C-alpha atoms as a PDB file:
ATOM      1  CA  MET A   1      15.081  40.911 -39.410  1.00  0.00           C
ATOM      2  CA  TRP A   2      16.730  37.429 -39.928  1.00  0.00           C
ATOM      3  CA  HIS A   3      19.468  38.921 -42.135  1.00  0.00           C
ATOM      4  CA  ALA A   4      20.158  41.637 -39.655  1.00  0.00           C
ATOM      5  CA  ARG A   5      20.663  39.421 -37.104  1.00  0.00           C
ATOM      6  CA  VAL A   6      17.980  40.938 -34.819  1.00  0.00           C
ATOM      7  CA  VAL A   7      16.883  37.145 -34.377  1.00  0.00           C
ATOM      8  CA  LYS A   8      18.341  34.139 -35.014  1.00  0.00           C
ATOM      9  CA  ALA A   9      15.797  32.431 -37.297  1.00  0.00           C
ATOM     10  CA  ARG A  10      13.598  33.096 -39.965  1.00  0.00           C
ATOM     11  CA  THR A  11      10.926  30.949 -38.037  1.00  0.00           C
ATOM     12  CA  SER A  12      10.768  33.491 -35.323  1.00  0.00           C
ATOM     13  CA  ALA A  13      11.051  36.409 -37.346  1.00  0.00           C
ATOM     14  CA  ALA A  14       7.697  35.524 -38.701  1.00  0.00           C
ATOM     15  CA  GLU A  15       6.159  34.119 -35.517  1.00  0.00           C
ATOM     16  CA  LEU A  16       6.908  37.909 -34.022  1.00  0.00           C
ATOM     17  CA  VAL A  17       5.053  39.439 -37.197  1.00  0.00           C
ATOM     18  CA  GLU A  18       2.223  36.994 -36.984  1.00  0.00           C
ATOM     19  CA  SER A  19       1.831  37.651 -33.328  1.00  0.00           C
ATOM     20  CA  GLY A  20       1.738  41.445 -33.707  1.00  0.00           C
ATOM     21  CA  HIS A  21       4.880  42.359 -32.114  1.00  0.00           C
ATOM     22  CA  VAL A  22       6.547  44.138 -35.457  1.00  0.00           C
ATOM     23  CA  ARG A  23       5.628  47.458 -36.766  1.00  0.00           C
ATOM     24  CA  ILE A  24       6.771  48.906 -40.338  1.00  0.00           C
ATOM     25  CA  ASN A  25       6.350  52.742 -40.317  1.00  0.00           C
ATOM     26  CA  GLY A  26       4.005  52.663 -37.422  1.00  0.00           C
ATOM     27  CA  THR A  27       1.506  50.249 -38.822  1.00  0.00           C
ATOM     28  CA  ARG A  28       1.244  46.648 -37.189  1.00  0.00           C
ATOM     29  CA  GLU A  29       2.565  44.015 -39.857  1.00  0.00           C
ATOM     30  CA  LYS A  30       0.697  40.750 -40.122  1.00  0.00           C
ATOM     31  CA  SER A  31       2.023  39.407 -42.841  1.00  0.00           C
ATOM     32  CA  PRO A  32       5.964  37.812 -42.407  1.00  0.00           C
ATOM     33  CA  GLY A  33       6.644  38.408 -46.236  1.00  0.00           C
ATOM     34  CA  HIS A  34       5.872  41.957 -46.421  1.00  0.00           C
ATOM     35  CA  ALA A  35       8.709  43.597 -48.118  1.00  0.00           C
ATOM     36  CA  ILE A  36      10.575  46.697 -46.459  1.00  0.00           C
ATOM     37  CA  LYS A  37      12.225  49.422 -48.655  1.00  0.00           C
ATOM     38  CA  ILE A  38      15.197  51.679 -47.407  1.00  0.00           C
ATOM     39  CA  GLY A  39      14.178  54.118 -44.871  1.00  0.00           C
ATOM     40  CA  ASP A  40      11.531  52.087 -43.660  1.00  0.00           C
ATOM     41  CA  VAL A  41      11.373  52.447 -39.773  1.00  0.00           C
ATOM     42  CA  ILE A  42      10.723  48.901 -37.822  1.00  0.00           C
ATOM     43  CA  THR A  43       9.648  48.463 -34.244  1.00  0.00           C
ATOM     44  CA  VAL A  44      10.325  45.135 -32.689  1.00  0.00           C
ATOM     45  CA  ALA A  45       8.941  44.087 -29.210  1.00  0.00           C
ATOM     46  CA  LEU A  46      11.584  41.563 -28.574  1.00  0.00           C
ATOM     47  CA  ASP A  47      12.278  39.685 -25.361  1.00  0.00           C
ATOM     48  CA  ARG A  48      11.081  42.598 -22.813  1.00  0.00           C
ATOM     49  CA  THR A  49      12.657  45.018 -24.979  1.00  0.00           C
ATOM     50  CA  VAL A  50      11.716  47.535 -27.981  1.00  0.00           C
ATOM     51  CA  ARG A  51      13.876  47.808 -30.427  1.00  0.00           C
ATOM     52  CA  VAL A  52      13.157  51.199 -33.534  1.00  0.00           C
ATOM     53  CA  LEU A  53      15.474  49.988 -36.538  1.00  0.00           C
ATOM     54  CA  LYS A  54      15.866  52.433 -39.753  1.00  0.00           C
ATOM     55  CA  VAL A  55      16.200  49.983 -42.525  1.00  0.00           C
ATOM     56  CA  THR A  56      19.921  51.532 -44.195  1.00  0.00           C
ATOM     57  CA  GLY A  57      20.510  48.495 -46.698  1.00  0.00           C
ATOM     58  CA  PHE A  58      19.997  44.945 -47.801  1.00  0.00           C
ATOM     59  CA  ASN A  59      22.650  41.814 -48.612  1.00  0.00           C
ATOM     60  CA  GLU A  60      21.894  38.867 -50.703  1.00  0.00           C
ATOM     61  CA  ARG A  61      22.754  36.710 -48.101  1.00  0.00           C
ATOM     62  CA  ARG A  62      23.366  36.552 -44.415  1.00  0.00           C
ATOM     63  CA  GLY A  63      26.638  37.729 -43.389  1.00  0.00           C
ATOM     64  CA  ASP A  64      28.421  37.800 -39.838  1.00  0.00           C
ATOM     65  CA  ALA A  65      27.528  40.173 -37.209  1.00  0.00           C
ATOM     66  CA  ALA A  66      29.598  42.981 -38.573  1.00  0.00           C
ATOM     67  CA  SER A  67      28.281  43.185 -42.041  1.00  0.00           C
ATOM     68  CA  ALA A  68      24.548  43.028 -40.480  1.00  0.00           C
ATOM     69  CA  ARG A  69      25.239  45.967 -38.239  1.00  0.00           C
ATOM     70  CA  VAL A  70      25.419  48.422 -41.465  1.00  0.00           C
ATOM     71  CA  LEU A  71      21.658  47.261 -42.878  1.00  0.00           C
ATOM     72  CA  TYR A  72      20.265  49.213 -40.257  1.00  0.00           C
ATOM     73  CA  GLU A  73      20.572  51.932 -37.684  1.00  0.00           C
ATOM     74  CA  GLU A  74      19.247  51.725 -34.160  1.00  0.00           C
ATOM     75  CA  LEU A  75      16.959  54.854 -33.331  1.00  0.00           C
ATOM     76  CA  GLY A  76      16.769  55.526 -29.566  1.00  0.00           C
ATOM     77  CA  GLU A  77      17.972  53.423 -27.022  1.00  0.00           C
ATOM     78  CA  ARG A  78      16.434  50.111 -26.240  1.00  0.00           C
ATOM     79  CA  LYS A  79      13.798  50.102 -23.935  1.00  0.00           C
ATOM     80  CA  GLU A  80      13.437  47.134 -21.072  1.00  0.00           C
END
């Protein structure tokens, strides 16, 4: 989530997972270090919104916002 710029910091991503706000392929994730693969669908409850993202790629390093947008496909609309 940090590489794809969904959250600003790695610690924020870890806190979301540990507090139960992240699902991978419909299953609540409990481990911040869980490996994901291309095609996985990640559901994130973030600041009164729910984002559903399909993983389409990976980067070795965190890049700018434009390069981050090619790492996932937004499924559906954001729900507030």
